PDB file of N, CA and C in Angstrom:
ATOM      1  N   UNK A   1      57.449 110.528 114.768  1.00  0.00           N
ATOM      2  CA  UNK A   1      56.994 111.719 115.099  1.00  0.00           C
ATOM      3  C   UNK A   1      58.018 112.067 114.362  1.00  0.00           C
ATOM      4  N   UNK A   2      57.850 112.615 112.849  1.00  0.00           N
ATOM      5  CA  UNK A   2      59.449 113.488 112.423  1.00  0.00           C
ATOM      6  C   UNK A   2      59.805 114.894 113.016  1.00  0.00           C
ATOM      7  N   UNK A   3      61.214 115.565 112.607  1.00  0.00           N
ATOM      8  CA  UNK A   3      61.919 116.019 113.846  1.00  0.00           C
ATOM      9  C   UNK A   3      61.119 117.382 112.682  1.00  0.00           C
ATOM     10  N   UNK A   4      60.493 118.014 113.805  1.00  0.00           N
ATOM     11  CA  UNK A   4      60.455 119.296 112.907  1.00  0.00           C
ATOM     12  C   UNK A   4      61.779 120.824 113.005  1.00  0.00           C
ATOM     13  N   UNK A   5      62.034 120.982 112.096  1.00  0.00           N
ATOM     14  CA  UNK A   5      63.603 122.282 111.990  1.00  0.00           C
ATOM     15  C   UNK A   5      62.819 123.729 112.642  1.00  0.00           C
ATOM     16  N   UNK A   6      64.002 123.880 113.133  1.00  0.00           N
ATOM     17  CA  UNK A   6      64.005 125.243 112.881  1.00  0.00           C
ATOM     18  C   UNK A   6      63.781 126.722 112.329  1.00  0.00           C
ATOM     19  N   UNK A   7      64.304 126.225 111.100  1.00  0.00           N
ATOM     20  CA  UNK A   7      63.703 126.836 109.552  1.00  0.00           C
ATOM     21  C   UNK A   7      62.539 127.085 109.401  1.00  0.00           C
ATOM     22  N   UNK A   8      61.414 125.549 109.514  1.00  0.00           N
ATOM     23  CA  UNK A   8      60.055 125.573 109.286  1.00  0.00           C
ATOM     24  C   UNK A   8      59.700 126.470 110.321  1.00  0.00           C
ATOM     25  N   UNK A   9      59.827 125.834 111.842  1.00  0.00           N
ATOM     26  CA  UNK A   9      59.267 127.189 112.821  1.00  0.00           C
ATOM     27  C   UNK A   9      59.495 128.467 112.519  1.00  0.00           C
ATOM     28  N   UNK A  10      60.534 129.333 112.199  1.00  0.00           N
ATOM     29  CA  UNK A  10      61.009 130.262 111.860  1.00  0.00           C
ATOM     30  C   UNK A  10      59.774 130.735 110.702  1.00  0.00           C
ATOM     31  N   UNK A  11      58.773 130.427 109.968  1.00  0.00           N
ATOM     32  CA  UNK A  11      57.931 130.566 108.846  1.00  0.00           C
ATOM     33  C   UNK A  11      56.843 131.043 109.601  1.00  0.00           C
ATOM     34  N   UNK A  12      56.166 130.345 110.481  1.00  0.00           N
ATOM     35  CA  UNK A  12      55.090 130.591 110.983  1.00  0.00           C
ATOM     36  C   UNK A  12      55.185 132.087 112.190  1.00  0.00           C
ATOM     37  N   UNK A  13      53.457 132.165 111.860  1.00  0.00           N
ATOM     38  CA  UNK A  13      53.840 133.247 113.284  1.00  0.00           C
ATOM     39  C   UNK A  13      53.670 133.149 114.258  1.00  0.00           C
ATOM     40  N   UNK A  14      53.527 134.159 115.082  1.00  0.00           N
ATOM     41  CA  UNK A  14      54.302 133.683 116.691  1.00  0.00           C
ATOM     42  C   UNK A  14      52.920 133.230 117.365  1.00  0.00           C
ATOM     43  N   UNK A  15      51.129 133.463 116.861  1.00  0.00           N
ATOM     44  CA  UNK A  15      50.356 132.928 117.392  1.00  0.00           C
ATOM     45  C   UNK A  15      50.306 131.305 117.191  1.00  0.00           C
ATOM     46  N   UNK A  16      50.884 131.385 115.467  1.00  0.00           N
ATOM     47  CA  UNK A  16      50.876 129.387 115.185  1.00  0.00           C
ATOM     48  C   UNK A  16      51.943 128.880 116.649  1.00  0.00           C
ATOM     49  N   UNK A  17      52.953 129.325 116.346  1.00  0.00           N
ATOM     50  CA  UNK A  17      53.821 128.911 117.466  1.00  0.00           C
ATOM     51  C   UNK A  17      53.157 128.565 118.833  1.00  0.00           C
ATOM     52  N   UNK A  18      52.359 129.501 119.651  1.00  0.00           N
ATOM     53  CA  UNK A  18      51.956 129.591 120.715  1.00  0.00           C
ATOM     54  C   UNK A  18      51.077 128.619 120.785  1.00  0.00           C
ATOM     55  N   UNK A  19      50.239 128.609 119.370  1.00  0.00           N
ATOM     56  CA  UNK A  19      49.324 126.922 119.464  1.00  0.00           C
ATOM     57  C   UNK A  19      50.227 125.804 119.640  1.00  0.00           C
ATOM     58  N   UNK A  20      51.291 126.101 119.459  1.00  0.00           N
ATOM     59  CA  UNK A  20      51.849 124.222 118.832  1.00  0.00           C
ATOM     60  C   UNK A  20      52.143 123.942 119.673  1.00  0.00           C
ATOM     61  N   UNK A  21      52.940 125.293 120.903  1.00  0.00           N
ATOM     62  CA  UNK A  21      53.530 124.717 122.493  1.00  0.00           C
ATOM     63  C   UNK A  21      52.603 124.808 123.082  1.00  0.00           C
ATOM     64  N   UNK A  22      51.359 125.013 122.604  1.00  0.00           N
ATOM     65  CA  UNK A  22      50.082 125.060 124.020  1.00  0.00           C
ATOM     66  C   UNK A  22      49.713 122.819 123.728  1.00  0.00           C
ATOM     67  N   UNK A  23      49.900 122.817 122.458  1.00  0.00           N
ATOM     68  CA  UNK A  23      49.331 121.123 121.866  1.00  0.00           C
ATOM     69  C   UNK A  23      50.623 120.254 122.266  1.00  0.00           C
ATOM     70  N   UNK A  24      51.960 120.679 122.106  1.00  0.00           N
ATOM     71  CA  UNK A  24      53.237 120.096 123.053  1.00  0.00           C
ATOM     72  C   UNK A  24      53.043 119.665 124.156  1.00  0.00           C
ATOM     73  N   UNK A  25      53.144 120.708 124.847  1.00  0.00           N
ATOM     74  CA  UNK A  25      52.960 120.666 126.241  1.00  0.00           C
ATOM     75  C   UNK A  25      51.554 119.970 127.123  1.00  0.00           C
ATOM     76  N   UNK A  26      50.442 119.500 126.175  1.00  0.00           N
ATOM     77  CA  UNK A  26      49.541 118.762 126.426  1.00  0.00           C
ATOM     78  C   UNK A  26      49.739 117.398 126.241  1.00  0.00           C
ATOM     79  N   UNK A  27      50.519 117.441 124.570  1.00  0.00           N
ATOM     80  CA  UNK A  27      51.000 115.680 124.590  1.00  0.00           C
ATOM     81  C   UNK A  27      52.095 115.791 126.008  1.00  0.00           C
ATOM     82  N   UNK A  28      53.429 115.928 126.479  1.00  0.00           N
ATOM     83  CA  UNK A  28      53.971 115.496 126.711  1.00  0.00           C
ATOM     84  C   UNK A  28      53.777 115.573 128.209  1.00  0.00           C
ATOM     85  N   UNK A  29      52.354 116.376 128.795  1.00  0.00           N
ATOM     86  CA  UNK A  29      51.147 115.831 129.857  1.00  0.00           C
ATOM     87  C   UNK A  29      51.150 114.404 129.729  1.00  0.00           C
ATOM     88  N   UNK A  30      50.040 114.219 128.591  1.00  0.00           N
ATOM     89  CA  UNK A  30      49.928 113.029 128.462  1.00  0.00           C
ATOM     90  C   UNK A  30      51.166 111.858 128.669  1.00  0.00           C
ATOM     91  N   UNK A  31      52.011 111.696 128.015  1.00  0.00           N
ATOM     92  CA  UNK A  31      52.940 110.753 127.517  1.00  0.00           C
ATOM     93  C   UNK A  31      53.445 110.486 129.080  1.00  0.00           C
ATOM     94  N   UNK A  32      53.425 111.701 130.296  1.00  0.00           N
ATOM     95  CA  UNK A  32      53.793 111.079 131.428  1.00  0.00           C
ATOM     96  C   UNK A  32      52.994 110.742 132.122  1.00  0.00           C
ATOM     97  N   UNK A  33      51.668 111.188 131.639  1.00  0.00           N
ATOM     98  CA  UNK A  33      50.464 110.201 132.656  1.00  0.00           C
ATOM     99  C   UNK A  33      50.982 108.602 132.229  1.00  0.00           C
ATOM    100  N   UNK A  34      50.758 108.707 130.776  1.00  0.00           N
ATOM    101  CA  UNK A  34      51.307 106.950 130.674  1.00  0.00           C
ATOM    102  C   UNK A  34      52.632 106.761 130.733  1.00  0.00           C
ATOM    103  N   UNK A  35      53.091 106.819 131.359  1.00  0.00           N
ATOM    104  CA  UNK A  35      54.560 106.558 131.471  1.00  0.00           C
ATOM    105  C   UNK A  35      54.095 105.817 132.804  1.00  0.00           C
ATOM    106  N   UNK A  36      53.812 107.113 134.196  1.00  0.00           N
ATOM    107  CA  UNK A  36      53.382 106.721 135.231  1.00  0.00           C
ATOM    108  C   UNK A  36      52.537 105.432 135.537  1.00  0.00           C
ATOM    109  N   UNK A  37      51.747 105.123 134.547  1.00  0.00           N
ATOM    110  CA  UNK A  37      50.789 104.255 134.852  1.00  0.00           C
ATOM    111  C   UNK A  37      51.415 102.693 134.165  1.00  0.00           C
ATOM    112  N   UNK A  38      52.399 102.872 133.270  1.00  0.00           N
ATOM    113  CA  UNK A  38      53.485 101.691 132.963  1.00  0.00           C
ATOM    114  C   UNK A  38      52.132 101.446 131.238  1.00  0.00           C
ATOM    115  N   UNK A  39      51.472 102.643 130.962  1.00  0.00           N
ATOM    116  CA  UNK A  39      50.998 102.124 129.715  1.00  0.00           C
ATOM    117  C   UNK A  39      51.957 102.757 128.396  1.00  0.00           C
ATOM    118  N   UNK A  40      52.884 103.404 128.603  1.00  0.00           N
ATOM    119  CA  UNK A  40      53.689 103.944 127.868  1.00  0.00           C
ATOM    120  C   UNK A  40      54.364 103.077 126.560  1.00  0.00           C
ATOM    121  N   UNK A  41      53.988 103.269 125.386  1.00  0.00           N
ATOM    122  CA  UNK A  41      54.630 102.936 124.226  1.00  0.00           C
ATOM    123  C   UNK A  41      56.044 102.654 123.517  1.00  0.00           C
ATOM    124  N   UNK A  42      56.517 104.362 123.730  1.00  0.00           N
ATOM    125  CA  UNK A  42      58.010 104.432 123.813  1.00  0.00           C
ATOM    126  C   UNK A  42      58.487 105.488 124.619  1.00  0.00           C
ATOM    127  N   UNK A  43      59.260 105.109 125.246  1.00  0.00           N
ATOM    128  CA  UNK A  43      59.658 105.955 126.567  1.00  0.00           C
ATOM    129  C   UNK A  43      60.471 107.011 125.776  1.00  0.00           C
ATOM    130  N   UNK A  44      61.054 106.999 124.868  1.00  0.00           N
ATOM    131  CA  UNK A  44      62.039 108.548 124.133  1.00  0.00           C
ATOM    132  C   UNK A  44      61.078 109.170 123.495  1.00  0.00           C
ATOM    133  N   UNK A  45      59.979 109.152 123.170  1.00  0.00           N
ATOM    134  CA  UNK A  45      58.625 109.738 122.297  1.00  0.00           C
ATOM    135  C   UNK A  45      58.893 110.880 123.414  1.00  0.00           C
ATOM    136  N   UNK A  46      58.822 111.109 125.009  1.00  0.00           N
ATOM    137  CA  UNK A  46      59.207 112.090 125.822  1.00  0.00           C
ATOM    138  C   UNK A  46      60.092 113.027 125.588  1.00  0.00           C
ATOM    139  N   UNK A  47      61.128 112.734 125.183  1.00  0.00           N
ATOM    140  CA  UNK A  47      62.237 112.993 125.063  1.00  0.00           C
ATOM    141  C   UNK A  47      62.309 113.914 123.464  1.00  0.00           C
ATOM    142  N   UNK A  48      61.612 113.572 122.525  1.00  0.00           N
ATOM    143  CA  UNK A  48      61.654 114.329 121.294  1.00  0.00           C
ATOM    144  C   UNK A  48      60.624 115.272 121.614  1.00  0.00           C
ATOM    145  N   UNK A  49      59.572 114.966 121.787  1.00  0.00           N
ATOM    146  CA  UNK A  49      58.340 116.329 122.163  1.00  0.00           C
ATOM    147  C   UNK A  49      59.005 117.167 122.915  1.00  0.00           C
ATOM    148  N   UNK A  50      59.995 116.943 123.952  1.00  0.00           N
ATOM    149  CA  UNK A  50      60.534 117.736 125.055  1.00  0.00           C
ATOM    150  C   UNK A  50      61.618 118.930 124.106  1.00  0.00           C
ATOM    151  N   UNK A  51      62.311 118.110 123.267  1.00  0.00           N
ATOM    152  CA  UNK A  51      63.316 119.053 122.070  1.00  0.00           C
ATOM    153  C   UNK A  51      62.363 119.817 121.143  1.00  0.00           C
ATOM    154  N   UNK A  52      61.202 118.906 120.772  1.00  0.00           N
ATOM    155  CA  UNK A  52      60.313 120.188 119.877  1.00  0.00           C
ATOM    156  C   UNK A  52      59.805 121.474 120.419  1.00  0.00           C
ATOM    157  N   UNK A  53      59.677 121.220 121.620  1.00  0.00           N
ATOM    158  CA  UNK A  53      59.476 122.114 122.013  1.00  0.00           C
ATOM    159  C   UNK A  53      60.130 123.387 122.853  1.00  0.00           C
ATOM    160  N   UNK A  54      61.330 122.604 122.694  1.00  0.00           N
ATOM    161  CA  UNK A  54      62.465 123.236 123.201  1.00  0.00           C
ATOM    162  C   UNK A  54      62.525 124.026 121.875  1.00  0.00           C
ATOM    163  N   UNK A  55      62.775 123.994 120.955  1.00  0.00           N
ATOM    164  CA  UNK A  55      62.961 124.476 119.771  1.00  0.00           C
ATOM    165  C   UNK A  55      61.099 125.761 118.989  1.00  0.00           C
ATOM    166  N   UNK A  56      60.402 125.071 119.547  1.00  0.00           N
ATOM    167  CA  UNK A  56      58.869 126.141 119.312  1.00  0.00           C
ATOM    168  C   UNK A  56      59.918 127.270 120.244  1.00  0.00           C
ATOM    169  N   UNK A  57      59.855 127.477 121.695  1.00  0.00           N
ATOM    170  CA  UNK A  57      59.736 127.974 122.557  1.00  0.00           C
ATOM    171  C   UNK A  57      61.276 129.444 122.040  1.00  0.00           C
ATOM    172  N   UNK A  58      62.176 128.698 121.795  1.00  0.00           N
ATOM    173  CA  UNK A  58      63.627 129.416 121.047  1.00  0.00           C
ATOM    174  C   UNK A  58      62.826 130.180 120.250  1.00  0.00           C
ATOM    175  N   UNK A  59      62.101 130.106 119.024  1.00  0.00           N
ATOM    176  CA  UNK A  59      61.647 130.724 118.232  1.00  0.00           C
ATOM    177  C   UNK A  59      60.969 131.496 118.488  1.00  0.00           C
ATOM    178  N   UNK A  60      60.447 131.201 119.386  1.00  0.00           N
ATOM    179  CA  UNK A  60      59.152 132.085 119.812  1.00  0.00           C
ATOM    180  C   UNK A  60      59.748 133.312 120.445  1.00  0.00           C
ATOM    181  N   UNK A  61      60.939 133.097 121.531  1.00  0.00           N
ATOM    182  CA  UNK A  61      61.974 133.953 122.088  1.00  0.00           C
ATOM    183  C   UNK A  61      62.609 134.958 120.779  1.00  0.00           C
ATOM    184  N   UNK A  62      63.059 134.469 119.762  1.00  0.00           N
ATOM    185  CA  UNK A  62      63.498 135.314 119.138  1.00  0.00           C
ATOM    186  C   UNK A  62      62.545 136.146 118.456  1.00  0.00           C
ATOM    187  N   UNK A  63      61.300 135.596 117.971  1.00  0.00           N
ATOM    188  CA  UNK A  63      60.661 136.674 117.099  1.00  0.00           C
ATOM    189  C   UNK A  63      60.401 138.114 118.281  1.00  0.00           C
ATOM    190  N   UNK A  64      60.235 137.318 119.295  1.00  0.00           N
ATOM    191  CA  UNK A  64      59.883 138.532 120.262  1.00  0.00           C
ATOM    192  C   UNK A  64      60.782 139.809 120.657  1.00  0.00           C
ATOM    193  N   UNK A  65      62.159 138.761 120.653  1.00  0.00           N
ATOM    194  CA  UNK A  65      63.094 139.944 120.881  1.00  0.00           C
ATOM    195  C   UNK A  65      63.253 140.574 119.503  1.00  0.00           C
ATOM    196  N   UNK A  66      62.784 139.703 118.463  1.00  0.00           N
ATOM    197  CA  UNK A  66      63.264 140.960 117.480  1.00  0.00           C
ATOM    198  C   UNK A  66      65.259 140.380 116.350  1.00  0.00           C
ATOM    199  N   UNK A  67      65.241 139.096 116.550  1.00  0.00           N
ATOM    200  CA  UNK A  67      66.523 138.640 116.501  1.00  0.00           C
ATOM    201  C   UNK A  67      65.949 137.391 115.888  1.00  0.00           C
ATOM    202  N   UNK A  68      66.523 137.192 114.639  1.00  0.00           N
ATOM    203  CA  UNK A  68      66.747 136.192 113.875  1.00  0.00           C
ATOM    204  C   UNK A  68      67.688 134.664 113.647  1.00  0.00           C
ATOM    205  N   UNK A  69      68.921 135.296 114.611  1.00  0.00           N
ATOM    206  CA  UNK A  69      69.849 134.284 114.536  1.00  0.00           C
ATOM    207  C   UNK A  69      70.166 134.647 116.417  1.00  0.00           C
ATOM    208  N   UNK A  70      70.465 133.156 116.549  1.00  0.00           N
ATOM    209  CA  UNK A  70      70.830 132.930 118.630  1.00  0.00           C
ATOM    210  C   UNK A  70      72.369 133.657 118.502  1.00  0.00           C
ATOM    211  N   UNK A  71      72.538 134.526 119.493  1.00  0.00           N
ATOM    212  CA  UNK A  71      73.503 135.028 120.026  1.00  0.00           C
ATOM    213  C   UNK A  71      74.631 134.056 120.730  1.00  0.00           C
ATOM    214  N   UNK A  72      75.860 134.630 120.872  1.00  0.00           N
ATOM    215  CA  UNK A  72      76.538 133.488 121.479  1.00  0.00           C
ATOM    216  C   UNK A  72      76.260 133.866 122.956  1.00  0.00           C
ATOM    217  N   UNK A  73      76.328 135.241 123.089  1.00  0.00           N
ATOM    218  CA  UNK A  73      76.411 135.220 124.730  1.00  0.00           C
ATOM    219  C   UNK A  73      77.635 135.936 124.769  1.00  0.00           C
ATOM    220  N   UNK A  74      78.718 136.256 123.743  1.00  0.00           N
ATOM    221  CA  UNK A  74      79.794 137.115 124.374  1.00  0.00           C
ATOM    222  C   UNK A  74      79.635 138.178 123.463  1.00  0.00           C
ATOM    223  N   UNK A  75      80.544 139.691 123.844  1.00  0.00           N
ATOM    224  CA  UNK A  75      80.602 140.816 123.384  1.00  0.00           C
ATOM    225  C   UNK A  75      82.203 141.306 123.095  1.00  0.00           C
TER     226      UNK A  75
END
């Protein structure tokens, strides 16, 4: 599964990102189910999908807040 860059995600609309978020959440559920039943092919895939979901959620949050660059949290 190729890693998606945040710059590519920023090109998408919020609706497209929310659709991708839903898809990734379903994929994580299926992978966890496979892990629990011992049928998982690659345990590392769960980690990769979770990271991709985090990227999508970060971009969604940035778009809804109206910012394009992450803040450092310092004033």
